Amino acid sequence: MNELKSLVREVPDFPKKGIVFKDITTLLQNPKGLRTAVEIISDYYKNKKIDIVVGAEARGFIFAPVVAFNLGAGFTPIRKPGKLPYEKASMSYALEYGTDVLEIHKDGIRKGQHVLMVDDLLATGGTMSACCKLVESLGGNIVGCAFLIELSFLNGKKNLEPHEIFSVIKY
């Protein structure tokens, strides 16, 4: 994991002073790093009978479809409001200063499907928690939540209990 960690650029004071942003674009630009990250997630879930992989907008879209392809599963996006054209289910969730909303097509998850949730980063877990609730409201059975990066010191896993969390890189 140290090799992958070395491919993540740290940007101090972004998006505000005191934050050290973990920029994954440098890892994505590295063919071996990108392949390794996707293979680690795919290998972890290869025997867990995943039917559909859900990716959270926007960087979850980078990893989720490739992981779905590797697992022989489908892909369903969760998007910000106004981006999906068909009948939608939505979930409001709290942000540090306010609220936001996520949406999924109502037919994006069928009752009883085994679902893998994927995003690039686990921080506080707020966004992924809302995504999980949305999927469960449609009858999906969440097998796990996978992330490229986990900021362990923010304890986002707690907000995702009882779901299994798998992270490739931990800080």
Foldseek 3Di string as FASTA:
>chain_A
DVVLQVQWDWDAQPPHHPDTDTHCVSLVVDVVSVVVLLVVVLVVCQPVQAAEEEAEPDQSVVRRCSSCVSNVHYYWYKYFPPPDDAAWDKFWWDDPPGIGMIITHLPRAAAPGEYEYEYAEQAQQGVVLRVVVRNVVSRYDYQAYEYQEYAVVRVNVVSVPPHHYYYNYYD
